[in-house]
N, C-alpha and C. Protein backbone atom coordinates (compact mmCIF):
# COMPACT_ATOMS: atom_id res chain seq x y z
N MET A 1 20.20 -20.15 -7.21
CA MET A 1 19.63 -19.36 -6.05
C MET A 1 18.49 -18.51 -6.74
N LYS A 2 18.07 -17.99 -7.86
CA LYS A 2 17.36 -16.87 -8.06
C LYS A 2 16.05 -17.73 -8.31
N GLU A 3 15.88 -19.23 -9.01
CA GLU A 3 14.82 -19.93 -9.04
C GLU A 3 14.15 -20.02 -7.89
N TYR A 4 15.01 -20.09 -6.60
CA TYR A 4 14.40 -20.35 -5.32
C TYR A 4 13.72 -19.20 -4.96
N ALA A 5 14.10 -18.21 -5.11
CA ALA A 5 13.77 -16.63 -4.56
C ALA A 5 12.44 -16.82 -5.55
N GLU A 6 12.44 -16.99 -6.50
CA GLU A 6 10.93 -16.80 -7.26
C GLU A 6 10.13 -17.58 -7.01
N GLU A 7 10.26 -18.92 -6.54
CA GLU A 7 9.25 -20.33 -6.06
C GLU A 7 9.07 -19.98 -4.84
N LEU A 8 9.65 -18.96 -3.94
CA LEU A 8 9.26 -18.64 -2.88
C LEU A 8 8.32 -17.51 -2.76
N ALA A 9 8.44 -16.47 -3.72
CA ALA A 9 7.83 -15.53 -3.76
C ALA A 9 6.53 -15.75 -4.00
N SER A 10 6.68 -16.94 -5.26
CA SER A 10 5.15 -17.48 -5.79
C SER A 10 4.36 -18.01 -4.60
N ALA A 11 5.21 -19.09 -3.53
CA ALA A 11 4.45 -19.51 -2.81
C ALA A 11 3.84 -18.13 -1.67
N VAL A 12 4.65 -17.35 -1.52
CA VAL A 12 3.88 -16.34 -0.67
C VAL A 12 2.85 -15.80 -1.30
N ASP A 13 3.09 -15.32 -2.60
CA ASP A 13 1.98 -14.76 -2.96
C ASP A 13 0.62 -15.37 -3.10
N ASP A 14 0.92 -16.70 -3.57
CA ASP A 14 -0.22 -17.64 -3.72
C ASP A 14 -1.35 -17.80 -2.23
N GLU A 15 -0.21 -17.70 -1.05
CA GLU A 15 -1.14 -17.59 0.27
C GLU A 15 -1.26 -16.19 0.61
N TRP A 16 -1.24 -15.03 0.56
CA TRP A 16 -1.25 -13.77 1.01
C TRP A 16 -1.47 -12.90 0.18
N SER A 17 -1.73 -13.00 -1.27
CA SER A 17 -1.70 -11.86 -1.97
C SER A 17 -3.37 -11.40 -1.89
N GLU A 18 -3.73 -10.62 -2.28
CA GLU A 18 -5.07 -9.73 -2.25
C GLU A 18 -5.42 -8.94 -3.72
N GLU A 19 -6.58 -8.71 -4.09
CA GLU A 19 -6.94 -8.09 -5.09
C GLU A 19 -6.64 -6.20 -4.66
N ILE A 20 -5.79 -5.69 -5.26
CA ILE A 20 -5.63 -4.40 -5.18
C ILE A 20 -5.81 -3.21 -6.40
N ARG A 21 -6.21 -2.10 -6.28
CA ARG A 21 -6.55 -1.41 -7.21
C ARG A 21 -5.43 -0.19 -7.26
N ILE A 22 -4.70 -0.20 -8.09
CA ILE A 22 -3.60 1.33 -7.92
C ILE A 22 -4.15 2.29 -8.91
N LEU A 23 -4.47 3.69 -7.75
CA LEU A 23 -5.21 4.63 -8.83
C LEU A 23 -4.04 5.85 -8.99
N PRO A 24 -3.38 6.24 -9.94
CA PRO A 24 -2.61 7.03 -10.42
C PRO A 24 -3.06 8.39 -10.11
N MET A 25 -2.18 8.98 -9.13
CA MET A 25 -2.81 10.75 -8.63
C MET A 25 -1.62 11.36 -9.41
N ARG A 26 -2.08 12.85 -9.94
CA ARG A 26 -1.18 13.90 -9.97
C ARG A 26 -1.75 15.10 -9.31
N ASP A 27 -1.18 15.96 -8.26
CA ASP A 27 -1.59 16.99 -7.43
C ASP A 27 -3.08 16.70 -6.86
N GLY A 28 -3.71 15.64 -6.16
CA GLY A 28 -4.53 15.29 -5.82
C GLY A 28 -5.78 14.86 -6.91
N GLU A 29 -5.32 14.87 -8.03
CA GLU A 29 -6.56 14.45 -9.20
C GLU A 29 -6.19 12.86 -9.81
N PRO A 30 -7.16 12.76 -10.27
CA PRO A 30 -6.64 11.40 -11.17
C PRO A 30 -5.62 11.89 -12.06
N ASP A 31 -4.55 11.21 -12.60
CA ASP A 31 -3.54 11.25 -13.62
C ASP A 31 -4.19 10.80 -14.78
N PRO A 32 -4.49 11.62 -15.89
CA PRO A 32 -5.02 11.14 -17.26
C PRO A 32 -3.90 10.49 -17.89
N GLU A 33 -2.56 10.51 -17.80
CA GLU A 33 -1.38 9.86 -18.27
C GLU A 33 -1.32 8.43 -18.14
N ARG A 34 -2.00 8.08 -16.86
CA ARG A 34 -1.61 7.00 -16.39
C ARG A 34 -2.64 5.81 -16.04
N MET A 35 -3.04 5.10 -16.52
CA MET A 35 -4.37 4.25 -16.24
C MET A 35 -4.45 3.40 -14.67
N PRO A 36 -5.46 3.61 -14.02
CA PRO A 36 -5.61 2.41 -13.21
C PRO A 36 -5.32 0.99 -13.36
N LEU A 37 -5.03 0.44 -12.55
CA LEU A 37 -4.50 -0.85 -12.45
C LEU A 37 -4.80 -1.87 -11.57
N GLU A 38 -5.52 -2.98 -11.98
CA GLU A 38 -5.99 -3.84 -10.57
C GLU A 38 -5.10 -5.10 -10.81
N LEU A 39 -4.50 -5.50 -9.66
CA LEU A 39 -3.45 -6.56 -9.58
C LEU A 39 -3.69 -6.97 -8.27
N LEU A 40 -2.84 -8.43 -8.09
CA LEU A 40 -2.85 -9.27 -7.16
C LEU A 40 -1.40 -8.78 -6.39
N ALA A 41 -1.55 -8.57 -5.23
CA ALA A 41 -0.38 -8.53 -4.51
C ALA A 41 -0.30 -8.54 -2.70
N VAL A 42 1.10 -8.49 -2.08
CA VAL A 42 0.92 -8.72 -0.72
C VAL A 42 0.37 -7.54 -0.23
N LEU A 43 -0.25 -7.40 0.94
CA LEU A 43 -0.87 -5.88 1.76
C LEU A 43 -0.51 -6.35 2.82
N ARG A 44 0.36 -5.81 3.64
CA ARG A 44 0.52 -6.24 5.28
C ARG A 44 0.18 -4.62 5.69
N THR A 45 -0.75 -4.60 6.81
CA THR A 45 -0.98 -3.38 7.35
C THR A 45 -0.66 -3.16 8.66
N GLY A 46 -0.21 -2.22 9.40
CA GLY A 46 0.29 -2.04 10.70
C GLY A 46 -0.95 -2.37 11.79
N GLU A 47 -0.52 -2.61 12.89
CA GLU A 47 -1.07 -2.90 13.91
C GLU A 47 -2.04 -1.36 13.99
N ARG A 48 -3.32 -1.65 14.32
CA ARG A 48 -4.11 -0.21 14.36
C ARG A 48 -3.82 -0.20 15.93
N ARG A 49 -3.52 1.18 16.04
CA ARG A 49 -3.53 1.81 17.49
C ARG A 49 -4.01 3.16 17.75
N GLU A 50 -4.70 3.39 18.62
CA GLU A 50 -5.03 4.80 18.97
C GLU A 50 -3.89 5.62 19.54
N GLU A 51 -4.20 7.03 18.48
CA GLU A 51 -3.57 8.37 18.64
C GLU A 51 -4.09 9.32 19.02
N ARG A 52 -3.81 9.91 20.17
CA ARG A 52 -4.59 10.92 20.90
C ARG A 52 -3.76 12.30 20.37
N TYR A 53 -4.77 13.35 20.47
CA TYR A 53 -4.04 14.69 19.80
C TYR A 53 -4.48 15.41 21.22
N SER A 54 -3.38 16.43 21.55
CA SER A 54 -3.46 17.05 22.66
C SER A 54 -2.96 18.08 22.23
N PHE A 55 -3.15 19.42 22.98
CA PHE A 55 -2.75 20.77 22.70
C PHE A 55 -2.29 21.13 24.00
N GLY A 56 -1.46 20.37 24.57
CA GLY A 56 -0.75 21.18 25.85
C GLY A 56 -1.69 20.55 27.32
N SER A 57 -2.90 20.29 27.09
CA SER A 57 -3.34 19.74 28.42
C SER A 57 -3.77 18.18 28.23
N ARG A 58 -3.69 17.43 29.47
CA ARG A 58 -4.54 16.26 29.17
C ARG A 58 -6.00 16.27 29.39
N ALA A 59 -6.68 17.41 30.04
CA ALA A 59 -8.14 17.53 29.75
C ALA A 59 -8.52 18.11 28.63
N ALA A 60 -7.58 18.65 27.62
CA ALA A 60 -8.08 19.02 26.50
C ALA A 60 -7.79 17.85 25.56
N SER A 61 -7.33 16.76 25.89
CA SER A 61 -7.06 15.88 25.06
C SER A 61 -8.22 15.70 23.90
N LEU A 62 -8.25 15.45 22.69
CA LEU A 62 -9.40 14.87 21.76
C LEU A 62 -9.38 13.28 21.83
N PRO A 63 -10.62 12.86 21.44
CA PRO A 63 -10.87 11.49 21.38
C PRO A 63 -9.99 10.67 20.29
N GLY A 64 -9.17 9.74 20.60
CA GLY A 64 -8.31 8.94 19.76
C GLY A 64 -9.22 8.51 18.73
N ILE A 65 -8.25 8.45 17.30
CA ILE A 65 -8.55 7.70 16.53
C ILE A 65 -7.65 6.73 16.08
N ALA A 66 -8.10 5.54 15.19
CA ALA A 66 -7.27 4.50 15.17
C ALA A 66 -6.35 4.99 13.40
N ALA A 67 -5.01 4.68 13.54
CA ALA A 67 -4.28 5.29 12.64
C ALA A 67 -3.08 4.10 12.18
N SER A 68 -3.13 3.77 10.96
CA SER A 68 -2.07 2.94 10.65
C SER A 68 -1.56 3.42 9.24
N GLY A 69 -0.67 2.53 8.67
CA GLY A 69 -0.13 2.39 7.35
C GLY A 69 0.05 0.95 6.72
N GLY A 70 0.76 0.60 6.06
CA GLY A 70 1.49 -0.57 5.95
C GLY A 70 2.48 -0.85 4.74
N THR A 71 2.69 -1.79 4.12
CA THR A 71 3.54 -2.03 2.86
C THR A 71 2.58 -2.90 1.80
N LEU A 72 3.05 -2.83 0.64
CA LEU A 72 2.31 -3.34 -0.44
C LEU A 72 3.51 -4.23 -1.34
N LYS A 73 3.67 -4.96 -1.70
CA LYS A 73 4.61 -5.85 -2.18
C LYS A 73 4.13 -6.50 -3.51
N ILE A 74 4.74 -5.63 -4.53
CA ILE A 74 4.30 -6.35 -5.91
C ILE A 74 5.46 -7.23 -6.44
N ARG A 75 4.96 -8.59 -7.24
CA ARG A 75 6.06 -9.11 -7.67
C ARG A 75 6.59 -8.25 -9.07
N ARG A 76 7.62 -8.30 -9.11
CA ARG A 76 8.40 -7.22 -10.23
C ARG A 76 8.29 -7.94 -11.64
N SER A 77 8.54 -9.50 -11.46
CA SER A 77 8.67 -10.34 -12.81
C SER A 77 6.71 -10.25 -13.21
N ASP A 78 5.60 -9.88 -12.58
CA ASP A 78 4.55 -9.58 -13.05
C ASP A 78 4.07 -8.46 -13.58
N PHE A 79 5.13 -7.42 -13.21
CA PHE A 79 4.65 -6.17 -13.59
C PHE A 79 5.82 -5.29 -14.13
N PRO A 80 6.83 -5.49 -14.84
CA PRO A 80 7.86 -5.19 -15.33
C PRO A 80 8.12 -3.44 -15.55
N ALA A 81 6.72 -3.12 -16.04
CA ALA A 81 6.79 -1.75 -16.51
C ALA A 81 6.01 -0.94 -15.68
N LEU A 82 5.84 -1.26 -14.30
CA LEU A 82 4.76 -0.65 -13.42
C LEU A 82 5.41 0.71 -12.84
N ASP A 83 4.30 1.78 -12.97
CA ASP A 83 4.92 3.22 -12.83
C ASP A 83 4.16 3.49 -11.56
N VAL A 84 4.55 3.05 -10.41
CA VAL A 84 3.86 3.56 -9.07
C VAL A 84 4.59 4.97 -8.14
N GLN A 85 3.75 6.06 -8.00
CA GLN A 85 4.53 7.37 -7.50
C GLN A 85 3.93 7.49 -6.40
N LYS A 86 4.58 8.43 -5.45
CA LYS A 86 4.28 9.04 -4.22
C LYS A 86 2.98 9.69 -4.58
N ASP A 87 2.15 9.50 -3.76
CA ASP A 87 0.91 10.13 -3.54
C ASP A 87 -0.05 9.61 -4.30
N ASP A 88 0.21 8.40 -5.20
CA ASP A 88 -0.93 7.43 -5.74
C ASP A 88 -1.47 6.93 -4.93
N LYS A 89 -2.85 6.22 -5.18
CA LYS A 89 -3.71 5.76 -4.24
C LYS A 89 -3.51 4.06 -4.28
N VAL A 90 -4.11 3.61 -3.21
CA VAL A 90 -4.21 1.74 -3.12
C VAL A 90 -5.31 1.52 -2.51
N VAL A 91 -6.28 0.91 -3.18
CA VAL A 91 -7.60 0.49 -2.46
C VAL A 91 -7.44 -1.22 -2.48
N ALA A 92 -7.68 -1.49 -1.50
CA ALA A 92 -7.62 -2.81 -0.87
C ALA A 92 -9.03 -3.93 -1.25
N LEU A 93 -9.37 -3.85 -2.08
CA LEU A 93 -10.48 -4.49 -2.79
C LEU A 93 -11.28 -5.53 -1.91
N ASP A 94 -10.30 -6.56 -1.40
CA ASP A 94 -10.86 -7.84 -0.59
C ASP A 94 -11.21 -7.38 0.83
N ARG A 95 -10.70 -6.14 1.38
CA ARG A 95 -10.98 -5.90 2.32
C ARG A 95 -12.35 -5.10 2.82
N HIS A 96 -12.87 -5.16 3.96
CA HIS A 96 -14.16 -4.78 4.47
C HIS A 96 -13.92 -3.22 4.16
N GLY A 97 -14.86 -2.65 3.61
CA GLY A 97 -15.11 -1.16 3.34
C GLY A 97 -14.03 -0.89 2.79
N GLU A 98 -13.34 -1.51 1.43
CA GLU A 98 -12.41 -1.21 0.63
C GLU A 98 -11.31 -0.25 0.99
N PRO A 99 -10.70 -0.27 2.12
CA PRO A 99 -9.90 0.92 2.66
C PRO A 99 -8.78 1.41 1.68
N VAL A 100 -8.83 2.66 1.57
CA VAL A 100 -8.04 3.40 0.90
C VAL A 100 -6.55 3.86 1.42
N PHE A 101 -5.35 3.70 0.75
CA PHE A 101 -3.98 3.82 1.45
C PHE A 101 -3.40 5.04 0.43
N LEU A 102 -2.29 6.07 1.08
CA LEU A 102 -1.41 6.85 0.07
C LEU A 102 -0.32 6.20 -0.15
N VAL A 103 0.41 6.43 -1.03
CA VAL A 103 1.66 5.65 -1.08
C VAL A 103 2.65 6.90 -0.79
N ARG A 104 3.28 6.62 0.08
CA ARG A 104 4.36 7.67 0.65
C ARG A 104 6.02 7.29 0.35
N MET A 105 6.18 5.99 -0.16
CA MET A 105 7.39 5.89 -0.52
C MET A 105 7.38 4.68 -1.63
N VAL A 106 8.39 4.77 -2.68
CA VAL A 106 8.41 3.68 -3.76
C VAL A 106 9.78 2.94 -3.53
N ASP A 107 10.01 1.51 -3.41
CA ASP A 107 11.14 1.17 -3.14
C ASP A 107 11.43 0.24 -4.35
N ASP A 108 11.80 0.67 -5.36
CA ASP A 108 11.95 -0.16 -6.72
C ASP A 108 13.36 -0.99 -6.77
N ARG A 109 14.45 -0.92 -5.65
CA ARG A 109 15.45 -1.21 -6.05
C ARG A 109 15.86 -2.81 -5.94
N SER A 110 14.54 -3.47 -5.42
CA SER A 110 15.01 -4.96 -5.19
C SER A 110 14.66 -5.54 -6.58
N HIS A 111 15.18 -6.76 -6.98
CA HIS A 111 15.29 -7.51 -8.25
C HIS A 111 13.86 -7.96 -8.33
N HIS A 112 13.32 -8.45 -7.02
CA HIS A 112 11.85 -9.42 -6.96
C HIS A 112 10.89 -8.61 -6.84
N ARG A 113 10.92 -7.64 -5.69
CA ARG A 113 9.62 -6.80 -5.48
C ARG A 113 9.81 -5.40 -5.54
N ILE A 114 8.60 -4.89 -6.04
CA ILE A 114 8.52 -3.34 -5.65
C ILE A 114 7.54 -3.24 -4.38
N ILE A 115 8.12 -2.34 -3.65
CA ILE A 115 7.52 -2.20 -2.37
C ILE A 115 7.28 -0.82 -1.78
N LEU A 116 5.89 -0.72 -1.65
CA LEU A 116 5.05 0.47 -1.64
C LEU A 116 5.19 0.69 0.06
N GLN A 117 5.60 1.68 0.45
CA GLN A 117 5.06 2.07 1.79
C GLN A 117 3.67 2.88 1.87
N LEU A 118 3.06 2.57 2.68
CA LEU A 118 1.52 3.44 2.77
C LEU A 118 1.30 3.95 3.94
N GLU A 119 0.26 4.97 3.83
CA GLU A 119 -0.34 5.32 5.06
C GLU A 119 -1.97 5.38 4.69
N ASP A 120 -2.74 5.44 5.66
CA ASP A 120 -4.47 5.46 5.81
C ASP A 120 -4.86 6.74 5.03
N ALA A 121 -5.43 6.48 4.20
CA ALA A 121 -6.15 7.78 3.40
C ALA A 121 -7.61 7.76 3.58
N ASN A 122 -7.92 6.83 4.70
CA ASN A 122 -9.73 7.25 5.00
C ASN A 122 -9.62 6.92 6.34
């Protein structure tokens, strides 16, 4: 069964992976103890929606802004010693404008993938 899971993950990665840069951060600054890393991984971003800010009155609402996050799925077998932490940055190098995301959660419990929950940083 494991070989089928690896084969499926490989097929998905071949189709959907994009070039990503992971920027290790500590206290809002680059972490000198962890090096930036470029890799191929599956980045899925959420539907971009308009969020309106209001301070109690509809007339006082501020114009909406687009906000979203997403998930980054990294094959564990490709990077078994990967050290990604909350508040690290992820840059989507293949996307227009190279959007930057903040890592909000790292789920490393799966034996197939390391899954990062992301939010927009720019």
